[in-house]
Amino acid sequence: FCLYPFSGGQTKLVSRNRIAAPSASVFTRVFNLLIMEPG
């Protein structure tokens, strides 16, 4: 989570997720891609 102030007293809040799934099966990867990402 990072905060970046900009004009007018406003701030941009940026949330970044970096996730690895080294042992995931093909089914799990497809499920994560099509279901978990939109969720």
PDB file of all heavy atoms in Angstrom:
ATOM      1  N   PHE A   1       0.866  -1.181   0.000  1.00  0.00           N
ATOM      2  CA  PHE A   1       0.000   0.000   0.000  1.00  0.00           C
ATOM      3  C   PHE A   1       0.902   1.230   0.000  1.00  0.00           C
ATOM      4  O   PHE A   1       1.744   1.378   0.890  1.00  0.00           O
ATOM      5  CB  PHE A   1      -0.882   0.045   1.254  1.00  0.00           C
ATOM      6  CG  PHE A   1      -1.843  -1.104   1.379  1.00  0.00           C
ATOM      7  CD1 PHE A   1      -1.456  -2.273   2.018  1.00  0.00           C
ATOM      8  CD2 PHE A   1      -3.127  -1.015   0.870  1.00  0.00           C
ATOM      9  CE1 PHE A   1      -2.342  -3.329   2.145  1.00  0.00           C
ATOM     10  CE2 PHE A   1      -4.014  -2.066   0.993  1.00  0.00           C
ATOM     11  CZ  PHE A   1      -3.628  -3.230   1.635  1.00  0.00           C
ATOM     12  N   CYS A   2       0.711   2.109  -0.977  1.00  0.00           N
ATOM     13  CA  CYS A   2       1.541   3.311  -1.044  1.00  0.00           C
ATOM     14  C   CYS A   2       0.672   4.543  -1.231  1.00  0.00           C
ATOM     15  O   CYS A   2      -0.365   4.498  -1.899  1.00  0.00           O
ATOM     16  CB  CYS A   2       2.546   3.208  -2.192  1.00  0.00           C
ATOM     17  SG  CYS A   2       3.780   1.915  -1.944  1.00  0.00           S
ATOM     18  N   LEU A   3       1.112   5.647  -0.629  1.00  0.00           N
ATOM     19  CA  LEU A   3       0.403   6.915  -0.687  1.00  0.00           C
ATOM     20  C   LEU A   3       1.222   7.925  -1.483  1.00  0.00           C
ATOM     21  O   LEU A   3       2.406   8.129  -1.191  1.00  0.00           O
ATOM     22  CB  LEU A   3       0.150   7.439   0.728  1.00  0.00           C
ATOM     23  CG  LEU A   3      -0.698   6.531   1.634  1.00  0.00           C
ATOM     24  CD1 LEU A   3      -0.785   7.124   3.043  1.00  0.00           C
ATOM     25  CD2 LEU A   3      -2.088   6.327   1.052  1.00  0.00           C
ATOM     26  N   TYR A   4       0.574   8.545  -2.477  1.00  0.00           N
ATOM     27  CA  TYR A   4       1.248   9.506  -3.347  1.00  0.00           C
ATOM     28  C   TYR A   4       0.443  10.808  -3.366  1.00  0.00           C
ATOM     29  O   TYR A   4      -0.585  10.896  -4.051  1.00  0.00           O
ATOM     30  CB  TYR A   4       1.381   8.948  -4.763  1.00  0.00           C
ATOM     31  CG  TYR A   4       2.182   7.665  -4.838  1.00  0.00           C
ATOM     32  CD1 TYR A   4       1.549   6.432  -4.905  1.00  0.00           C
ATOM     33  CD2 TYR A   4       3.576   7.698  -4.822  1.00  0.00           C
ATOM     34  CE1 TYR A   4       2.273   5.249  -4.965  1.00  0.00           C
ATOM     35  CE2 TYR A   4       4.318   6.516  -4.886  1.00  0.00           C
ATOM     36  CZ  TYR A   4       3.660   5.296  -4.958  1.00  0.00           C
ATOM     37  OH  TYR A   4       4.384   4.131  -5.012  1.00  0.00           O
ATOM     38  N   PRO A   5       0.867  11.823  -2.602  1.00  0.00           N
ATOM     39  CA  PRO A   5       0.156  13.109  -2.602  1.00  0.00           C
ATOM     40  C   PRO A   5       0.238  13.774  -3.970  1.00  0.00           C
ATOM     41  O   PRO A   5       1.233  13.651  -4.681  1.00  0.00           O
ATOM     42  CB  PRO A   5       0.904  13.933  -1.548  1.00  0.00           C
ATOM     43  CG  PRO A   5       1.685  12.943  -0.746  1.00  0.00           C
ATOM     44  CD  PRO A   5       2.020  11.829  -1.684  1.00  0.00           C
ATOM     45  N   PHE A   6      -0.833  14.482  -4.338  1.00  0.00           N
ATOM     46  CA  PHE A   6      -0.785  15.292  -5.553  1.00  0.00           C
ATOM     47  C   PHE A   6      -1.591  16.565  -5.317  1.00  0.00           C
ATOM     48  O   PHE A   6      -1.971  16.877  -4.183  1.00  0.00           O
ATOM     49  CB  PHE A   6      -1.244  14.502  -6.786  1.00  0.00           C
ATOM     50  CG  PHE A   6      -2.663  14.010  -6.761  1.00  0.00           C
ATOM     51  CD1 PHE A   6      -3.655  14.681  -7.454  1.00  0.00           C
ATOM     52  CD2 PHE A   6      -3.003  12.843  -6.080  1.00  0.00           C
ATOM     53  CE1 PHE A   6      -4.961  14.229  -7.459  1.00  0.00           C
ATOM     54  CE2 PHE A   6      -4.312  12.374  -6.085  1.00  0.00           C
ATOM     55  CZ  PHE A   6      -5.296  13.071  -6.769  1.00  0.00           C
ATOM     56  N   SER A   7      -1.839  17.329  -6.355  1.00  0.00           N
ATOM     57  CA  SER A   7      -2.361  18.682  -6.229  1.00  0.00           C
ATOM     58  C   SER A   7      -3.702  18.740  -5.500  1.00  0.00           C
ATOM     59  O   SER A   7      -4.475  17.783  -5.517  1.00  0.00           O
ATOM     60  CB  SER A   7      -2.523  19.306  -7.617  1.00  0.00           C
ATOM     61  OG  SER A   7      -3.452  18.557  -8.388  1.00  0.00           O
ATOM     62  N   GLY A   8      -3.936  19.899  -4.875  1.00  0.00           N
ATOM     63  CA  GLY A   8      -5.214  20.147  -4.240  1.00  0.00           C
ATOM     64  C   GLY A   8      -5.422  19.410  -2.929  1.00  0.00           C
ATOM     65  O   GLY A   8      -6.565  19.224  -2.499  1.00  0.00           O
ATOM     66  N   GLY A   9      -4.349  18.977  -2.296  1.00  0.00           N
ATOM     67  CA  GLY A   9      -4.474  18.271  -1.030  1.00  0.00           C
ATOM     68  C   GLY A   9      -4.999  16.858  -1.163  1.00  0.00           C
ATOM     69  O   GLY A   9      -5.453  16.257  -0.177  1.00  0.00           O
ATOM     70  N   GLN A  10      -4.938  16.290  -2.359  1.00  0.00           N
ATOM     71  CA  GLN A  10      -5.412  14.929  -2.592  1.00  0.00           C
ATOM     72  C   GLN A  10      -4.255  13.938  -2.515  1.00  0.00           C
ATOM     73  O   GLN A  10      -3.084  14.299  -2.592  1.00  0.00           O
ATOM     74  CB  GLN A  10      -6.083  14.830  -3.957  1.00  0.00           C
ATOM     75  CG  GLN A  10      -7.293  15.726  -4.117  1.00  0.00           C
ATOM     76  CD  GLN A  10      -7.975  15.500  -5.460  1.00  0.00           C
ATOM     77  OE1 GLN A  10      -8.707  14.542  -5.659  1.00  0.00           O
ATOM     78  NE2 GLN A  10      -7.709  16.392  -6.397  1.00  0.00           N
ATOM     79  N   THR A  11      -4.619  12.678  -2.378  1.00  0.00           N
ATOM     80  CA  THR A  11      -3.629  11.608  -2.284  1.00  0.00           C
ATOM     81  C   THR A  11      -4.110  10.414  -3.104  1.00  0.00           C
ATOM     82  O   THR A  11      -5.284  10.051  -3.052  1.00  0.00           O
ATOM     83  CB  THR A  11      -3.439  11.154  -0.821  1.00  0.00           C
ATOM     84  OG1 THR A  11      -3.089  12.283  -0.013  1.00  0.00           O
ATOM     85  CG2 THR A  11      -2.337  10.108  -0.714  1.00  0.00           C
ATOM     86  N   LYS A  12      -3.214   9.803  -3.845  1.00  0.00           N
ATOM     87  CA  LYS A  12      -3.517   8.553  -4.547  1.00  0.00           C
ATOM     88  C   LYS A  12      -3.070   7.395  -3.655  1.00  0.00           C
ATOM     89  O   LYS A  12      -1.910   7.315  -3.251  1.00  0.00           O
ATOM     90  CB  LYS A  12      -2.791   8.518  -5.893  1.00  0.00           C
ATOM     91  CG  LYS A  12      -2.987   7.237  -6.703  1.00  0.00           C
ATOM     92  CD  LYS A  12      -4.362   7.117  -7.298  1.00  0.00           C
ATOM     93  CE  LYS A  12      -4.607   8.028  -8.453  1.00  0.00           C
ATOM     94  NZ  LYS A  12      -3.926   7.670  -9.696  1.00  0.00           N
ATOM     95  N   LEU A  13      -4.024   6.519  -3.329  1.00  0.00           N
ATOM     96  CA  LEU A  13      -3.721   5.289  -2.611  1.00  0.00           C
ATOM     97  C   LEU A  13      -3.611   4.175  -3.634  1.00  0.00           C
ATOM     98  O   LEU A  13      -4.566   3.900  -4.372  1.00  0.00           O
ATOM     99  CB  LEU A  13      -4.812   4.973  -1.595  1.00  0.00           C
ATOM    100  CG  LEU A  13      -4.821   3.556  -0.988  1.00  0.00           C
ATOM    101  CD1 LEU A  13      -3.518   3.252  -0.258  1.00  0.00           C
ATOM    102  CD2 LEU A  13      -6.018   3.378  -0.053  1.00  0.00           C
ATOM    103  N   VAL A  14      -2.458   3.537  -3.691  1.00  0.00           N
ATOM    104  CA  VAL A  14      -2.209   2.458  -4.648  1.00  0.00           C
ATOM    105  C   VAL A  14      -1.984   1.155  -3.884  1.00  0.00           C
ATOM    106  O   VAL A  14      -1.169   1.100  -2.961  1.00  0.00           O
ATOM    107  CB  VAL A  14      -0.989   2.760  -5.540  1.00  0.00           C
ATOM    108  CG1 VAL A  14      -0.780   1.638  -6.553  1.00  0.00           C
ATOM    109  CG2 VAL A  14      -1.162   4.095  -6.263  1.00  0.00           C
ATOM    110  N   SER A  15      -2.734   0.141  -4.269  1.00  0.00           N
ATOM    111  CA  SER A  15      -2.605  -1.192  -3.684  1.00  0.00           C
ATOM    112  C   SER A  15      -2.073  -2.131  -4.760  1.00  0.00           C
ATOM    113  O   SER A  15      -2.670  -2.243  -5.837  1.00  0.00           O
ATOM    114  CB  SER A  15      -3.970  -1.689  -3.185  1.00  0.00           C
ATOM    115  OG  SER A  15      -3.936  -3.067  -2.874  1.00  0.00           O
ATOM    116  N   ARG A  16      -0.957  -2.779  -4.460  1.00  0.00           N
ATOM    117  CA  ARG A  16      -0.367  -3.705  -5.436  1.00  0.00           C
ATOM    118  C   ARG A  16      -0.220  -5.100  -4.822  1.00  0.00           C
ATOM    119  O   ARG A  16       0.350  -5.250  -3.738  1.00  0.00           O
ATOM    120  CB  ARG A  16       0.990  -3.199  -5.916  1.00  0.00           C
ATOM    121  CG  ARG A  16       1.710  -4.179  -6.866  1.00  0.00           C
ATOM    122  CD  ARG A  16       2.929  -3.541  -7.506  1.00  0.00           C
ATOM    123  NE  ARG A  16       2.530  -2.503  -8.465  1.00  0.00           N
ATOM    124  CZ  ARG A  16       3.390  -1.663  -9.055  1.00  0.00           C
ATOM    125  NH1 ARG A  16       4.671  -1.746  -8.779  1.00  0.00           N
ATOM    126  NH2 ARG A  16       2.951  -0.752  -9.907  1.00  0.00           N
ATOM    127  N   ASN A  17      -0.741  -6.092  -5.524  1.00  0.00           N
ATOM    128  CA  ASN A  17      -0.589  -7.489  -5.124  1.00  0.00           C
ATOM    129  C   ASN A  17       0.331  -8.207  -6.091  1.00  0.00           C
ATOM    130  O   ASN A  17       0.146  -8.122  -7.311  1.00  0.00           O
ATOM    131  CB  ASN A  17      -1.951  -8.197  -5.111  1.00  0.00           C
ATOM    132  CG  ASN A  17      -2.758  -7.903  -3.872  1.00  0.00           C
ATOM    133  OD1 ASN A  17      -2.580  -8.535  -2.838  1.00  0.00           O
ATOM    134  ND2 ASN A  17      -3.659  -6.930  -3.970  1.00  0.00           N
ATOM    135  N   ARG A  18       1.312  -8.894  -5.538  1.00  0.00           N
ATOM    136  CA  ARG A  18       2.209  -9.741  -6.316  1.00  0.00           C
ATOM    137  C   ARG A  18       2.075 -11.146  -5.735  1.00  0.00           C
ATOM    138  O   ARG A  18       2.363 -11.354  -4.547  1.00  0.00           O
ATOM    139  CB  ARG A  18       3.657  -9.255  -6.226  1.00  0.00           C
ATOM    140  CG  ARG A  18       3.839  -7.786  -6.575  1.00  0.00           C
ATOM    141  CD  ARG A  18       5.273  -7.326  -6.360  1.00  0.00           C
ATOM    142  NE  ARG A  18       6.165  -7.860  -7.377  1.00  0.00           N
ATOM    143  CZ  ARG A  18       6.399  -7.275  -8.558  1.00  0.00           C
ATOM    144  NH1 ARG A  18       5.796  -6.126  -8.860  1.00  0.00           N
ATOM    145  NH2 ARG A  18       7.218  -7.809  -9.420  1.00  0.00           N
ATOM    146  N   ILE A  19       1.613 -12.100  -6.544  1.00  0.00           N
ATOM    147  CA  ILE A  19       1.302 -13.442  -6.042  1.00  0.00           C
ATOM    148  C   ILE A  19       1.957 -14.487  -6.929  1.00  0.00           C
ATOM    149  O   ILE A  19       1.860 -14.430  -8.165  1.00  0.00           O
ATOM    150  CB  ILE A  19      -0.216 -13.670  -5.994  1.00  0.00           C
ATOM    151  CG1 ILE A  19      -0.879 -12.651  -5.060  1.00  0.00           C
ATOM    152  CG2 ILE A  19      -0.533 -15.094  -5.536  1.00  0.00           C
ATOM    153  CD1 ILE A  19      -2.385 -12.692  -5.075  1.00  0.00           C
ATOM    154  N   ALA A  20       2.610 -15.442  -6.298  1.00  0.00           N
ATOM    155  CA  ALA A  20       3.198 -16.586  -7.001  1.00  0.00           C
ATOM    156  C   ALA A  20       2.451 -17.850  -6.601  1.00  0.00           C
ATOM    157  O   ALA A  20       1.995 -17.987  -5.464  1.00  0.00           O
ATOM    158  CB  ALA A  20       4.681 -16.722  -6.660  1.00  0.00           C
ATOM    159  N   ALA A  21       2.325 -18.765  -7.549  1.00  0.00           N
ATOM    160  CA  ALA A  21       1.669 -20.042  -7.279  1.00  0.00           C
ATOM    161  C   ALA A  21       2.505 -21.164  -7.877  1.00  0.00           C
ATOM    162  O   ALA A  21       2.112 -21.802  -8.856  1.00  0.00           O
ATOM    163  CB  ALA A  21       0.255 -20.050  -7.862  1.00  0.00           C
ATOM    164  N   PRO A  22       3.679 -21.403  -7.308  1.00  0.00           N
ATOM    165  CA  PRO A  22       4.639 -22.317  -7.937  1.00  0.00           C
ATOM    166  C   PRO A  22       4.179 -23.759  -8.051  1.00  0.00           C
ATOM    167  O   PRO A  22       4.584 -24.463  -8.968  1.00  0.00           O
ATOM    168  CB  PRO A  22       5.871 -22.199  -7.030  1.00  0.00           C
ATOM    169  CG  PRO A  22       5.334 -21.735  -5.718  1.00  0.00           C
ATOM    170  CD  PRO A  22       4.196 -20.821  -6.058  1.00  0.00           C
ATOM    171  N   SER A  23       3.322 -24.205  -7.140  1.00  0.00           N
ATOM    172  CA  SER A  23       2.914 -25.612  -7.166  1.00  0.00           C
ATOM    173  C   SER A  23       1.468 -25.801  -7.601  1.00  0.00           C
ATOM    174  O   SER A  23       0.917 -26.897  -7.467  1.00  0.00           O
ATOM    175  CB  SER A  23       3.117 -26.231  -5.774  1.00  0.00           C
ATOM    176  OG  SER A  23       2.366 -25.534  -4.802  1.00  0.00           O
ATOM    177  N   ALA A  24       0.850 -24.759  -8.142  1.00  0.00           N
ATOM    178  CA  ALA A  24      -0.555 -24.849  -8.524  1.00  0.00           C
ATOM    179  C   ALA A  24      -0.750 -25.747  -9.738  1.00  0.00           C
ATOM    180  O   ALA A  24       0.047 -25.732 -10.679  1.00  0.00           O
ATOM    181  CB  ALA A  24      -1.103 -23.453  -8.823  1.00  0.00           C
ATOM    182  N   SER A  25      -1.831 -26.521  -9.709  1.00  0.00           N
ATOM    183  CA  SER A  25      -2.178 -27.370 -10.847  1.00  0.00           C
ATOM    184  C   SER A  25      -2.749 -26.511 -11.972  1.00  0.00           C
ATOM    185  O   SER A  25      -3.082 -25.327 -11.779  1.00  0.00           O
ATOM    186  CB  SER A  25      -3.213 -28.401 -10.430  1.00  0.00           C
ATOM    187  OG  SER A  25      -4.434 -27.768 -10.073  1.00  0.00           O
ATOM    188  N   VAL A  26      -2.905 -27.107 -13.141  1.00  0.00           N
ATOM    189  CA  VAL A  26      -3.501 -26.389 -14.266  1.00  0.00           C
ATOM    190  C   VAL A  26      -4.922 -25.956 -13.912  1.00  0.00           C
ATOM    191  O   VAL A  26      -5.326 -24.819 -14.198  1.00  0.00           O
ATOM    192  CB  VAL A  26      -3.498 -27.273 -15.529  1.00  0.00           C
ATOM    193  CG1 VAL A  26      -4.288 -26.588 -16.646  1.00  0.00           C
ATOM    194  CG2 VAL A  26      -2.076 -27.559 -15.988  1.00  0.00           C
ATOM    195  N   PHE A  27      -5.686 -26.825 -13.273  1.00  0.00           N
ATOM    196  CA  PHE A  27      -7.053 -26.477 -12.880  1.00  0.00           C
ATOM    197  C   PHE A  27      -7.062 -25.272 -11.945  1.00  0.00           C
ATOM    198  O   PHE A  27      -7.857 -24.347 -12.109  1.00  0.00           O
ATOM    199  CB  PHE A  27      -7.731 -27.671 -12.198  1.00  0.00           C
ATOM    200  CG  PHE A  27      -9.083 -27.330 -11.630  1.00  0.00           C
ATOM    201  CD1 PHE A  27     -10.204 -27.300 -12.442  1.00  0.00           C
ATOM    202  CD2 PHE A  27      -9.224 -27.010 -10.283  1.00  0.00           C
ATOM    203  CE1 PHE A  27     -11.458 -26.968 -11.927  1.00  0.00           C
ATOM    204  CE2 PHE A  27     -10.471 -26.667  -9.751  1.00  0.00           C
ATOM    205  CZ  PHE A  27     -11.582 -26.654 -10.582  1.00  0.00           C
ATOM    206  N   THR A  28      -6.166 -25.289 -10.944  1.00  0.00           N
ATOM    207  CA  THR A  28      -6.101 -24.179  -9.992  1.00  0.00           C
ATOM    208  C   THR A  28      -5.720 -22.887 -10.685  1.00  0.00           C
ATOM    209  O   THR A  28      -6.280 -21.820 -10.385  1.00  0.00           O
ATOM    210  CB  THR A  28      -5.096 -24.496  -8.878  1.00  0.00           C
ATOM    211  OG1 THR A  28      -5.538 -25.662  -8.167  1.00  0.00           O
ATOM    212  CG2 THR A  28      -4.980 -23.338  -7.898  1.00  0.00           C
ATOM    213  N   ARG A  29      -4.797 -22.953 -11.614  1.00  0.00           N
ATOM    214  CA  ARG A  29      -4.392 -21.741 -12.326  1.00  0.00           C
ATOM    215  C   ARG A  29      -5.548 -21.169 -13.150  1.00  0.00           C
ATOM    216  O   ARG A  29      -5.754 -19.951 -13.193  1.00  0.00           O
ATOM    217  CB  ARG A  29      -3.183 -22.032 -13.224  1.00  0.00           C
ATOM    218  CG  ARG A  29      -1.900 -22.292 -12.443  1.00  0.00           C
ATOM    219  CD  ARG A  29      -0.723 -22.584 -13.355  1.00  0.00           C
ATOM    220  NE  ARG A  29       0.468 -22.899 -12.584  1.00  0.00           N
ATOM    221  CZ  ARG A  29       1.302 -21.996 -12.073  1.00  0.00           C
ATOM    222  NH1 ARG A  29       1.069 -20.707 -12.298  1.00  0.00           N
ATOM    223  NH2 ARG A  29       2.355 -22.362 -11.380  1.00  0.00           N
ATOM    224  N   VAL A  30      -6.317 -22.039 -13.802  1.00  0.00           N
ATOM    225  CA  VAL A  30      -7.462 -21.581 -14.590  1.00  0.00           C
ATOM    226  C   VAL A  30      -8.527 -20.998 -13.664  1.00  0.00           C
ATOM    227  O   VAL A  30      -9.116 -19.951 -13.958  1.00  0.00           O
ATOM    228  CB  VAL A  30      -8.034 -22.734 -15.438  1.00  0.00           C
ATOM    229  CG1 VAL A  30      -9.351 -22.313 -16.088  1.00  0.00           C
ATOM    230  CG2 VAL A  30      -7.033 -23.164 -16.495  1.00  0.00           C
ATOM    231  N   PHE A  31      -8.772 -21.649 -12.541  1.00  0.00           N
ATOM    232  CA  PHE A  31      -9.742 -21.146 -11.569  1.00  0.00           C
ATOM    233  C   PHE A  31      -9.322 -19.778 -11.038  1.00  0.00           C
ATOM    234  O   PHE A  31     -10.146 -18.856 -10.951  1.00  0.00           O
ATOM    235  CB  PHE A  31      -9.878 -22.149 -10.417  1.00  0.00           C
ATOM    236  CG  PHE A  31     -10.865 -21.722  -9.355  1.00  0.00           C
ATOM    237  CD1 PHE A  31     -12.216 -21.918  -9.535  1.00  0.00           C
ATOM    238  CD2 PHE A  31     -10.423 -21.124  -8.182  1.00  0.00           C
ATOM    239  CE1 PHE A  31     -13.133 -21.523  -8.566  1.00  0.00           C
ATOM    240  CE2 PHE A  31     -11.331 -20.719  -7.199  1.00  0.00           C
ATOM    241  CZ  PHE A  31     -12.688 -20.918  -7.396  1.00  0.00           C
ATOM    242  N   ASN A  32      -8.057 -19.638 -10.692  1.00  0.00           N
ATOM    243  CA  ASN A  32      -7.555 -18.350 -10.204  1.00  0.00           C
ATOM    244  C   ASN A  32      -7.708 -17.264 -11.253  1.00  0.00           C
ATOM    245  O   ASN A  32      -8.084 -16.117 -10.943  1.00  0.00           O
ATOM    246  CB  ASN A  32      -6.089 -18.470  -9.796  1.00  0.00           C
ATOM    247  CG  ASN A  32      -5.900 -19.271  -8.521  1.00  0.00           C
ATOM    248  OD1 ASN A  32      -6.838 -19.498  -7.758  1.00  0.00           O
ATOM    249  ND2 ASN A  32      -4.677 -19.730  -8.286  1.00  0.00           N
ATOM    250  N   LEU A  33      -7.418 -17.616 -12.489  1.00  0.00           N
ATOM    251  CA  LEU A  33      -7.462 -16.650 -13.588  1.00  0.00           C
ATOM    252  C   LEU A  33      -8.883 -16.162 -13.858  1.00  0.00           C
ATOM    253  O   LEU A  33      -9.131 -14.954 -13.953  1.00  0.00           O
ATOM    254  CB  LEU A  33      -6.879 -17.292 -14.851  1.00  0.00           C
ATOM    255  CG  LEU A  33      -6.947 -16.475 -16.141  1.00  0.00           C
ATOM    256  CD1 LEU A  33      -6.062 -15.249 -16.040  1.00  0.00           C
ATOM    257  CD2 LEU A  33      -6.534 -17.334 -17.339  1.00  0.00           C
ATOM    258  N   LEU A  34      -9.825 -17.094 -13.946  1.00  0.00           N
ATOM    259  CA  LEU A  34     -11.169 -16.747 -14.415  1.00  0.00           C
ATOM    260  C   LEU A  34     -12.163 -16.451 -13.297  1.00  0.00           C
ATOM    261  O   LEU A  34     -13.179 -15.795 -13.535  1.00  0.00           O
ATOM    262  CB  LEU A  34     -11.713 -17.886 -15.289  1.00  0.00           C
ATOM    263  CG  LEU A  34     -10.908 -18.189 -16.550  1.00  0.00           C
ATOM    264  CD1 LEU A  34     -11.534 -19.344 -17.310  1.00  0.00           C
ATOM    265  CD2 LEU A  34     -10.799 -16.955 -17.451  1.00  0.00           C
ATOM    266  N   ILE A  35     -11.883 -16.915 -12.097  1.00  0.00           N
ATOM    267  CA  ILE A  35     -12.813 -16.725 -10.983  1.00  0.00           C
ATOM    268  C   ILE A  35     -12.223 -15.818  -9.901  1.00  0.00           C
ATOM    269  O   ILE A  35     -12.827 -14.824  -9.494  1.00  0.00           O
ATOM    270  CB  ILE A  35     -13.225 -18.072 -10.358  1.00  0.00           C
ATOM    271  CG1 ILE A  35     -13.816 -19.001 -11.431  1.00  0.00           C
ATOM    272  CG2 ILE A  35     -14.209 -17.844  -9.222  1.00  0.00           C
ATOM    273  CD1 ILE A  35     -15.062 -18.468 -12.110  1.00  0.00           C
ATOM    274  N   MET A  36     -11.027 -16.160  -9.426  1.00  0.00           N
ATOM    275  CA  MET A  36     -10.448 -15.417  -8.308  1.00  0.00           C
ATOM    276  C   MET A  36     -10.028 -14.005  -8.705  1.00  0.00           C
ATOM    277  O   MET A  36     -10.172 -13.066  -7.912  1.00  0.00           O
ATOM    278  CB  MET A  36      -9.261 -16.183  -7.726  1.00  0.00           C
ATOM    279  CG  MET A  36      -9.634 -17.536  -7.119  1.00  0.00           C
ATOM    280  SD  MET A  36     -10.874 -17.387  -5.806  1.00  0.00           S
ATOM    281  CE  MET A  36      -9.894 -16.592  -4.531  1.00  0.00           C
ATOM    282  N   GLU A  37      -9.504 -13.830  -9.906  1.00  0.00           N
ATOM    283  CA  GLU A  37      -9.099 -12.477 -10.326  1.00  0.00           C
ATOM    284  C   GLU A  37     -10.289 -11.513 -10.357  1.00  0.00           C
ATOM    285  O   GLU A  37     -10.235 -10.450  -9.736  1.00  0.00           O
ATOM    286  CB  GLU A  37      -8.407 -12.526 -11.690  1.00  0.00           C
ATOM    287  CG  GLU A  37      -6.964 -12.975 -11.632  1.00  0.00           C
ATOM    288  CD  GLU A  37      -6.263 -12.856 -12.975  1.00  0.00           C
ATOM    289  OE1 GLU A  37      -6.821 -12.180 -13.881  1.00  0.00           O
ATOM    290  OE2 GLU A  37      -5.177 -13.418 -13.123  1.00  0.00           O
ATOM    291  N   PRO A  38     -11.392 -11.849 -11.053  1.00  0.00           N
ATOM    292  CA  PRO A  38     -12.544 -10.938 -11.010  1.00  0.00           C
ATOM    293  C   PRO A  38     -13.107 -10.785  -9.601  1.00  0.00           C
ATOM    294  O   PRO A  38     -13.532  -9.688  -9.210  1.00  0.00           O
ATOM    295  CB  PRO A  38     -13.563 -11.616 -11.946  1.00  0.00           C
ATOM    296  CG  PRO A  38     -12.734 -12.465 -12.855  1.00  0.00           C
ATOM    297  CD  PRO A  38     -11.598 -12.947 -12.012  1.00  0.00           C
ATOM    298  N   GLY A  39     -13.095 -11.866  -8.823  1.00  0.00           N
ATOM    299  CA  GLY A  39     -13.567 -11.772  -7.441  1.00  0.00           C
ATOM    300  C   GLY A  39     -12.720 -10.834  -6.608  1.00  0.00           C
ATOM    301  O   GLY A  39     -13.237 -10.098  -5.758  1.00  0.00           O
TER     302      GLY A  39
END
